[in-house]
């Protein structure tokens, strides 16, 4: 494989073998036809970037929780709007029944 021919999964698998500590790094490198220094570089990069994995997942969990809260609040508000609309319509209907033609004079507008 060429200089950039190693994909991320292959690199991660090799580094995990190194971190497992069951074999010496030179043994792992020889089995995969790699230079031991390359494995050391991958291991260093893996260790340096590993905290980002946990930060990202916490951020994603927090974002998902916020989205759930917003959606729940939105649903509650939509239910409330629906309830208030029904109550308003009922009050208009009853007002028209009670006041009839006087409705417009009393409230200054035609019923909708």
Protein backbone atom coordinates (compact mmCIF):
# COMPACT_ATOMS: atom_id res chain seq x y z
CA UNK A 1 0.00 0.00 0.00
CA UNK A 2 1.12 3.51 -0.75
CA UNK A 3 1.79 6.39 1.59
CA UNK A 4 -1.90 7.31 1.92
CA UNK A 5 -3.26 3.82 1.23
CA UNK A 6 -4.17 2.93 4.81
CA UNK A 7 -7.78 3.55 5.71
CA UNK A 8 -8.91 4.70 9.14
CA UNK A 9 -10.30 1.31 10.18
CA UNK A 10 -7.05 -0.47 9.37
CA UNK A 11 -5.06 2.11 11.35
CA UNK A 12 -7.44 1.89 14.31
CA UNK A 13 -7.32 -1.91 14.32
CA UNK A 14 -3.52 -1.87 14.32
CA UNK A 15 -3.38 0.69 17.14
CA UNK A 16 -5.85 -1.32 19.20
CA UNK A 17 -3.58 -4.34 18.81
CA UNK A 18 -0.66 -2.25 20.05
CA UNK A 19 -2.67 -0.88 22.97
CA UNK A 20 -3.81 -4.38 23.94
CA UNK A 21 -0.16 -5.09 24.73
CA UNK A 22 -0.34 -8.79 23.94
CA UNK A 23 2.48 -8.52 21.38
CA UNK A 24 5.43 -6.22 20.92
CA UNK A 25 4.91 -3.33 18.50
CA UNK A 26 7.59 -4.66 16.13
CA UNK A 27 5.77 -8.03 15.90
CA UNK A 28 2.50 -6.32 15.02
CA UNK A 29 4.27 -4.08 12.50
CA UNK A 30 5.96 -7.06 10.82
CA UNK A 31 2.67 -8.97 10.54
CA UNK A 32 1.05 -6.00 8.74
CA UNK A 33 4.17 -5.08 6.72
CA UNK A 34 4.46 -1.73 8.48
CA UNK A 35 7.29 0.27 9.94
CA UNK A 36 7.12 0.24 13.77
CA UNK A 37 7.62 4.02 13.77
CA UNK A 38 4.44 4.38 11.68
CA UNK A 39 2.53 2.38 14.30
CA UNK A 40 3.97 4.60 17.05
CA UNK A 41 2.82 7.69 15.14
CA UNK A 42 -0.68 6.25 14.68
CA UNK A 43 -0.80 5.30 18.37
CA UNK A 44 0.22 8.81 19.42
CA UNK A 45 -2.41 10.38 17.15
CA UNK A 46 -5.06 7.92 18.38
CA UNK A 47 -4.35 8.76 22.03
CA UNK A 48 -4.28 12.51 21.38
CA UNK A 49 -7.63 12.48 19.57
CA UNK A 50 -9.45 9.98 21.79
CA UNK A 51 -10.88 12.59 24.24
CA UNK A 52 -12.70 14.22 21.31
CA UNK A 53 -14.73 11.04 20.86
CA UNK A 54 -16.23 11.39 24.31
CA UNK A 55 -16.72 15.15 24.06
CA UNK A 56 -18.58 14.77 20.79
CA UNK A 57 -20.89 12.10 22.14
CA UNK A 58 -21.73 14.21 25.20
CA UNK A 59 -22.44 17.20 22.97
CA UNK A 60 -24.62 15.04 20.75
CA UNK A 61 -26.52 13.68 23.76
CA UNK A 62 -27.03 17.21 25.11
CA UNK A 63 -28.22 18.41 21.71
CA UNK A 64 -30.65 15.49 21.38
CA UNK A 65 -32.00 16.18 24.88
CA UNK A 66 -32.53 19.87 24.03
CA UNK A 67 -34.30 18.91 20.81
CA UNK A 68 -36.61 16.55 22.72
CA UNK A 69 -37.43 19.29 25.23
CA UNK A 70 -38.17 21.78 22.45
CA UNK A 71 -40.38 19.26 20.63
CA UNK A 72 -42.28 18.44 23.83
CA UNK A 73 -42.83 22.13 24.56
CA UNK A 74 -43.94 22.70 20.97
CA UNK A 75 -46.48 19.87 21.22
CA UNK A 76 -47.85 21.29 24.48
CA UNK A 77 -48.20 24.74 22.89
CA UNK A 78 -49.95 23.34 19.83
CA UNK A 79 -52.43 21.52 22.07
CA UNK A 80 -53.04 24.72 24.01
CA UNK A 81 -53.57 26.73 20.81
CA UNK A 82 -56.05 24.13 19.61
CA UNK A 83 -57.92 24.21 22.91
CA UNK A 84 -58.07 28.01 22.98
CA UNK A 85 -59.25 28.14 19.36
CA UNK A 86 -62.11 25.76 20.14
CA UNK A 87 -63.07 27.80 23.21
CA UNK A 88 -62.99 31.06 21.21
CA UNK A 89 -65.15 29.57 18.46
CA UNK A 90 -67.66 28.30 21.02
CA UNK A 91 -67.80 31.72 22.71
CA UNK A 92 -68.36 33.45 19.35
CA UNK A 93 -71.18 31.06 18.53
CA UNK A 94 -72.85 31.54 21.91
CA UNK A 95 -72.38 35.32 21.73
CA UNK A 96 -74.08 35.38 18.33
CA UNK A 97 -76.93 33.25 19.70
CA UNK A 98 -77.37 35.57 22.65
CA UNK A 99 -76.88 38.94 20.93
CA UNK A 100 -77.94 38.09 17.38
CA UNK A 101 -77.81 41.20 15.17
CA UNK A 102 -76.56 43.22 18.15
CA UNK A 103 -73.26 41.28 18.14
CA UNK A 104 -71.57 43.61 15.65
CA UNK A 105 -72.71 46.75 17.52
CA UNK A 106 -71.56 45.39 20.89
CA UNK A 107 -68.16 44.06 19.81
CA UNK A 108 -67.43 46.37 16.87
CA UNK A 109 -66.81 43.69 14.31
CA UNK A 110 -68.45 40.91 12.41
CA UNK A 111 -68.04 37.42 13.78
CA UNK A 112 -65.47 35.37 11.91
